[in-house]
Amino acid sequence: MKILNSSIHGIVDYLVVIFLVLSPSIFALSETGAQYCYILAGVHLGLTILTNFKYGIIKVIPFPVHGIIEYIVGAALIVSPFLLNYDGVDKTFYIGFGIAVLVTALVTNYKS
């Protein structure tokens, strides 16, 4: 069921950037886990700014392409702890965040 339109998704995207910036402190991520989190926040902010939807600023990435990127990133986040040998809270954070990204992608109408 596609319950998020592009406007709501845009708001969620900016909230996700804030969440990612705050997450290293909230979840006491390791130094490496925190660095990747800040990088991810920057990449997500860039993607959001460049997406052609209501809250995009430069509007060069079509919204459906934004969706494809989110599916890829979500899957990558889920497998990343195994590739980077994360454990404990870092592993839980990245797997959980990856699942959240995939769920958000699944419930977004990228044709809106």
N, C-alpha and C. Protein backbone atom coordinates (compact mmCIF):
# COMPACT_ATOMS: atom_id res chain seq x y z
N MET A 1 0.85 -1.18 0.00
CA MET A 1 0.00 0.00 0.00
C MET A 1 0.90 1.24 0.00
N LYS A 2 0.72 2.10 -0.98
CA LYS A 2 1.51 3.31 -1.15
C LYS A 2 0.83 4.48 -0.44
N ILE A 3 1.22 4.73 0.81
CA ILE A 3 0.54 5.74 1.61
C ILE A 3 1.27 7.09 1.65
N LEU A 4 2.53 7.12 1.19
CA LEU A 4 3.27 8.38 1.19
C LEU A 4 3.33 8.95 -0.21
N ASN A 5 2.92 10.21 -0.36
CA ASN A 5 3.11 10.89 -1.64
C ASN A 5 4.45 11.63 -1.61
N SER A 6 4.79 12.30 -2.69
CA SER A 6 6.09 12.95 -2.76
C SER A 6 6.25 14.08 -1.74
N SER A 7 5.18 14.77 -1.42
CA SER A 7 5.27 15.86 -0.44
C SER A 7 5.59 15.33 0.95
N ILE A 8 4.88 14.32 1.37
CA ILE A 8 5.14 13.74 2.70
C ILE A 8 6.52 13.10 2.72
N HIS A 9 6.89 12.41 1.63
CA HIS A 9 8.19 11.78 1.57
C HIS A 9 9.31 12.82 1.69
N GLY A 10 9.13 13.97 1.08
CA GLY A 10 10.13 15.04 1.18
C GLY A 10 10.33 15.50 2.61
N ILE A 11 9.25 15.64 3.34
CA ILE A 11 9.35 16.02 4.76
C ILE A 11 10.08 14.93 5.53
N VAL A 12 9.72 13.68 5.27
CA VAL A 12 10.38 12.55 5.94
C VAL A 12 11.87 12.56 5.63
N ASP A 13 12.24 12.85 4.39
CA ASP A 13 13.66 12.87 4.02
C ASP A 13 14.45 13.88 4.85
N TYR A 14 13.93 15.08 5.01
CA TYR A 14 14.66 16.08 5.82
C TYR A 14 14.70 15.67 7.29
N LEU A 15 13.65 15.05 7.79
CA LEU A 15 13.67 14.55 9.17
C LEU A 15 14.69 13.43 9.34
N VAL A 16 14.85 12.61 8.31
CA VAL A 16 15.84 11.53 8.35
C VAL A 16 17.25 12.12 8.45
N VAL A 17 17.51 13.19 7.73
CA VAL A 17 18.83 13.83 7.80
C VAL A 17 19.11 14.28 9.24
N ILE A 18 18.14 14.90 9.87
CA ILE A 18 18.30 15.33 11.27
C ILE A 18 18.53 14.13 12.17
N PHE A 19 17.74 13.07 11.96
CA PHE A 19 17.90 11.83 12.73
C PHE A 19 19.31 11.27 12.58
N LEU A 20 19.82 11.25 11.36
CA LEU A 20 21.16 10.71 11.13
C LEU A 20 22.25 11.54 11.80
N VAL A 21 22.08 12.85 11.80
CA VAL A 21 23.07 13.72 12.45
C VAL A 21 23.06 13.50 13.97
N LEU A 22 21.90 13.27 14.54
CA LEU A 22 21.79 13.09 15.99
C LEU A 22 22.07 11.66 16.45
N SER A 23 21.93 10.69 15.56
CA SER A 23 22.03 9.27 15.94
C SER A 23 23.33 8.86 16.62
N PRO A 24 24.49 9.33 16.18
CA PRO A 24 25.71 8.89 16.87
C PRO A 24 25.70 9.21 18.37
N SER A 25 25.14 10.35 18.73
CA SER A 25 25.05 10.70 20.15
C SER A 25 23.93 9.94 20.86
N ILE A 26 22.79 9.84 20.21
CA ILE A 26 21.65 9.17 20.82
C ILE A 26 21.94 7.70 21.08
N PHE A 27 22.57 7.03 20.10
CA PHE A 27 22.78 5.59 20.20
C PHE A 27 24.21 5.21 20.61
N ALA A 28 25.05 6.20 20.89
CA ALA A 28 26.44 5.96 21.29
C ALA A 28 27.14 5.04 20.29
N LEU A 29 27.08 5.43 19.01
CA LEU A 29 27.74 4.66 17.97
C LEU A 29 29.25 4.78 18.12
N SER A 30 29.95 3.79 17.60
CA SER A 30 31.42 3.83 17.61
C SER A 30 31.88 5.00 16.73
N GLU A 31 33.16 5.32 16.82
CA GLU A 31 33.69 6.41 16.01
C GLU A 31 33.48 6.15 14.52
N THR A 32 33.77 4.93 14.10
CA THR A 32 33.58 4.58 12.68
C THR A 32 32.10 4.59 12.32
N GLY A 33 31.26 4.01 13.17
CA GLY A 33 29.82 4.01 12.92
C GLY A 33 29.27 5.42 12.84
N ALA A 34 29.78 6.31 13.68
CA ALA A 34 29.34 7.71 13.66
C ALA A 34 29.79 8.40 12.38
N GLN A 35 31.02 8.16 11.95
CA GLN A 35 31.51 8.79 10.73
C GLN A 35 30.66 8.40 9.53
N TYR A 36 30.34 7.10 9.42
CA TYR A 36 29.48 6.66 8.32
C TYR A 36 28.09 7.27 8.43
N CYS A 37 27.63 7.47 9.63
CA CYS A 37 26.30 8.07 9.83
C CYS A 37 26.29 9.52 9.33
N TYR A 38 27.35 10.27 9.65
CA TYR A 38 27.44 11.66 9.18
C TYR A 38 27.56 11.71 7.65
N ILE A 39 28.33 10.79 7.08
CA ILE A 39 28.46 10.72 5.62
C ILE A 39 27.10 10.41 5.01
N LEU A 40 26.40 9.45 5.59
CA LEU A 40 25.07 9.08 5.10
C LEU A 40 24.11 10.26 5.19
N ALA A 41 24.19 11.03 6.26
CA ALA A 41 23.34 12.22 6.40
C ALA A 41 23.61 13.21 5.27
N GLY A 42 24.89 13.42 4.96
CA GLY A 42 25.25 14.34 3.88
C GLY A 42 24.77 13.85 2.52
N VAL A 43 24.94 12.56 2.27
CA VAL A 43 24.50 11.98 1.00
C VAL A 43 22.97 12.07 0.89
N HIS A 44 22.29 11.76 1.98
CA HIS A 44 20.82 11.81 1.95
C HIS A 44 20.32 13.25 1.76
N LEU A 45 20.99 14.20 2.40
CA LEU A 45 20.63 15.60 2.21
C LEU A 45 20.83 16.00 0.75
N GLY A 46 21.97 15.60 0.19
CA GLY A 46 22.23 15.90 -1.22
C GLY A 46 21.18 15.32 -2.14
N LEU A 47 20.83 14.05 -1.91
CA LEU A 47 19.80 13.39 -2.73
C LEU A 47 18.47 14.14 -2.62
N THR A 48 18.12 14.53 -1.42
CA THR A 48 16.85 15.23 -1.20
C THR A 48 16.84 16.59 -1.88
N ILE A 49 17.91 17.32 -1.73
CA ILE A 49 18.02 18.65 -2.36
C ILE A 49 17.94 18.55 -3.88
N LEU A 50 18.52 17.49 -4.44
CA LEU A 50 18.59 17.35 -5.90
C LEU A 50 17.38 16.67 -6.52
N THR A 51 16.43 16.19 -5.70
CA THR A 51 15.28 15.46 -6.23
C THR A 51 14.20 16.41 -6.75
N ASN A 52 13.60 16.04 -7.85
CA ASN A 52 12.54 16.83 -8.46
C ASN A 52 11.20 16.49 -7.79
N PHE A 53 10.99 17.11 -6.62
CA PHE A 53 9.73 17.01 -5.92
C PHE A 53 9.55 18.29 -5.12
N LYS A 54 8.43 18.41 -4.42
CA LYS A 54 8.05 19.68 -3.78
C LYS A 54 9.18 20.28 -2.94
N TYR A 55 9.89 19.47 -2.17
CA TYR A 55 10.90 20.02 -1.26
C TYR A 55 12.32 19.94 -1.81
N GLY A 56 12.46 19.52 -3.06
CA GLY A 56 13.77 19.56 -3.69
C GLY A 56 14.12 21.00 -4.04
N ILE A 57 15.39 21.30 -4.04
CA ILE A 57 15.81 22.68 -4.30
C ILE A 57 16.35 22.82 -5.73
N ILE A 58 17.16 21.87 -6.17
CA ILE A 58 17.76 21.95 -7.49
C ILE A 58 16.98 21.12 -8.52
N LYS A 59 16.32 20.08 -8.11
CA LYS A 59 15.35 19.32 -8.90
C LYS A 59 15.92 18.71 -10.19
N VAL A 60 16.99 17.94 -10.08
CA VAL A 60 17.55 17.30 -11.26
C VAL A 60 17.36 15.77 -11.26
N ILE A 61 17.09 15.18 -10.12
CA ILE A 61 16.90 13.73 -10.02
C ILE A 61 15.40 13.44 -10.03
N PRO A 62 14.91 12.69 -11.01
CA PRO A 62 13.48 12.36 -11.02
C PRO A 62 13.11 11.58 -9.75
N PHE A 63 11.90 11.81 -9.25
CA PHE A 63 11.47 11.16 -8.01
C PHE A 63 11.52 9.64 -8.11
N PRO A 64 11.13 9.02 -9.24
CA PRO A 64 11.27 7.56 -9.32
C PRO A 64 12.72 7.08 -9.19
N VAL A 65 13.67 7.84 -9.70
CA VAL A 65 15.10 7.49 -9.55
C VAL A 65 15.50 7.61 -8.08
N HIS A 66 15.00 8.62 -7.40
CA HIS A 66 15.20 8.78 -5.95
C HIS A 66 14.78 7.49 -5.25
N GLY A 67 13.65 6.95 -5.67
CA GLY A 67 13.14 5.71 -5.07
C GLY A 67 14.07 4.53 -5.31
N ILE A 68 14.58 4.40 -6.52
CA ILE A 68 15.51 3.31 -6.83
C ILE A 68 16.75 3.42 -5.95
N ILE A 69 17.25 4.64 -5.80
CA ILE A 69 18.42 4.87 -4.95
C ILE A 69 18.12 4.46 -3.51
N GLU A 70 16.93 4.77 -3.01
CA GLU A 70 16.58 4.41 -1.64
C GLU A 70 16.48 2.89 -1.45
N TYR A 71 15.97 2.18 -2.45
CA TYR A 71 15.95 0.72 -2.36
C TYR A 71 17.38 0.18 -2.27
N ILE A 72 18.27 0.70 -3.09
CA ILE A 72 19.66 0.24 -3.10
C ILE A 72 20.34 0.56 -1.78
N VAL A 73 20.16 1.79 -1.29
CA VAL A 73 20.78 2.20 -0.03
C VAL A 73 20.22 1.38 1.14
N GLY A 74 18.93 1.15 1.15
CA GLY A 74 18.33 0.35 2.23
C GLY A 74 18.94 -1.04 2.30
N ALA A 75 19.04 -1.68 1.14
CA ALA A 75 19.65 -3.02 1.11
C ALA A 75 21.11 -2.97 1.52
N ALA A 76 21.83 -1.96 1.04
CA ALA A 76 23.25 -1.82 1.39
C ALA A 76 23.44 -1.60 2.89
N LEU A 77 22.55 -0.83 3.49
CA LEU A 77 22.64 -0.60 4.94
C LEU A 77 22.45 -1.89 5.73
N ILE A 78 21.57 -2.75 5.26
CA ILE A 78 21.31 -4.01 5.97
C ILE A 78 22.52 -4.93 5.91
N VAL A 79 23.21 -4.96 4.79
CA VAL A 79 24.38 -5.86 4.68
C VAL A 79 25.67 -5.21 5.16
N SER A 80 25.70 -3.89 5.28
CA SER A 80 26.94 -3.19 5.65
C SER A 80 27.56 -3.64 6.97
N PRO A 81 26.80 -3.92 8.02
CA PRO A 81 27.45 -4.36 9.25
C PRO A 81 28.24 -5.66 9.09
N PHE A 82 27.81 -6.50 8.19
CA PHE A 82 28.50 -7.76 7.96
C PHE A 82 29.77 -7.55 7.15
N LEU A 83 29.73 -6.59 6.23
CA LEU A 83 30.91 -6.29 5.42
C LEU A 83 31.94 -5.46 6.18
N LEU A 84 31.47 -4.63 7.10
CA LEU A 84 32.36 -3.75 7.86
C LEU A 84 32.68 -4.29 9.25
N ASN A 85 32.22 -5.50 9.53
CA ASN A 85 32.47 -6.16 10.82
C ASN A 85 31.97 -5.36 12.02
N TYR A 86 30.81 -4.73 11.85
CA TYR A 86 30.19 -4.04 12.98
C TYR A 86 29.59 -5.06 13.93
N ASP A 87 29.53 -4.68 15.19
CA ASP A 87 28.82 -5.51 16.16
C ASP A 87 28.08 -4.60 17.12
N GLY A 88 27.37 -5.18 18.04
CA GLY A 88 26.67 -4.41 19.07
C GLY A 88 25.71 -3.40 18.49
N VAL A 89 25.76 -2.20 19.08
CA VAL A 89 24.79 -1.17 18.73
C VAL A 89 24.95 -0.69 17.29
N ASP A 90 26.18 -0.66 16.78
CA ASP A 90 26.38 -0.24 15.39
C ASP A 90 25.66 -1.20 14.43
N LYS A 91 25.83 -2.49 14.67
CA LYS A 91 25.19 -3.50 13.82
C LYS A 91 23.67 -3.35 13.88
N THR A 92 23.14 -3.24 15.08
CA THR A 92 21.69 -3.10 15.26
C THR A 92 21.18 -1.82 14.60
N PHE A 93 21.92 -0.72 14.76
CA PHE A 93 21.50 0.56 14.19
C PHE A 93 21.41 0.47 12.67
N TYR A 94 22.47 -0.01 12.03
CA TYR A 94 22.49 -0.01 10.56
C TYR A 94 21.50 -1.00 9.96
N ILE A 95 21.32 -2.14 10.58
CA ILE A 95 20.31 -3.08 10.09
C ILE A 95 18.91 -2.47 10.26
N GLY A 96 18.65 -1.92 11.44
CA GLY A 96 17.34 -1.30 11.70
C GLY A 96 17.07 -0.12 10.80
N PHE A 97 18.08 0.72 10.58
CA PHE A 97 17.89 1.88 9.72
C PHE A 97 17.68 1.44 8.28
N GLY A 98 18.40 0.41 7.84
CA GLY A 98 18.21 -0.11 6.50
C GLY A 98 16.80 -0.62 6.29
N ILE A 99 16.28 -1.32 7.28
CA ILE A 99 14.90 -1.81 7.20
C ILE A 99 13.93 -0.63 7.13
N ALA A 100 14.17 0.40 7.92
CA ALA A 100 13.30 1.58 7.90
C ALA A 100 13.33 2.26 6.54
N VAL A 101 14.50 2.33 5.92
CA VAL A 101 14.60 2.93 4.58
C VAL A 101 13.80 2.11 3.58
N LEU A 102 13.94 0.78 3.65
CA LEU A 102 13.20 -0.08 2.72
C LEU A 102 11.69 0.01 2.93
N VAL A 103 11.26 0.06 4.18
CA VAL A 103 9.83 0.18 4.46
C VAL A 103 9.30 1.50 3.92
N THR A 104 10.05 2.58 4.13
CA THR A 104 9.64 3.88 3.61
C THR A 104 9.54 3.84 2.09
N ALA A 105 10.51 3.20 1.45
CA ALA A 105 10.47 3.08 -0.02
C ALA A 105 9.26 2.27 -0.47
N LEU A 106 8.97 1.22 0.26
CA LEU A 106 7.84 0.35 -0.12
C LEU A 106 6.49 1.06 -0.01
N VAL A 107 6.37 2.01 0.93
CA VAL A 107 5.07 2.67 1.12
C VAL A 107 4.99 4.02 0.44
N THR A 108 6.00 4.36 -0.37
CA THR A 108 5.98 5.64 -1.09
C THR A 108 5.51 5.44 -2.53
N ASN A 109 4.64 6.33 -2.96
CA ASN A 109 4.20 6.34 -4.35
C ASN A 109 5.17 7.22 -5.14
N TYR A 110 6.14 6.59 -5.79
CA TYR A 110 7.15 7.35 -6.53
C TYR A 110 6.64 7.89 -7.86
N LYS A 111 5.39 7.60 -8.18
CA LYS A 111 4.77 8.14 -9.39
C LYS A 111 3.98 9.42 -9.08
N SER A 112 3.90 9.77 -7.78
CA SER A 112 3.10 10.95 -7.40
C SER A 112 3.86 12.24 -7.62
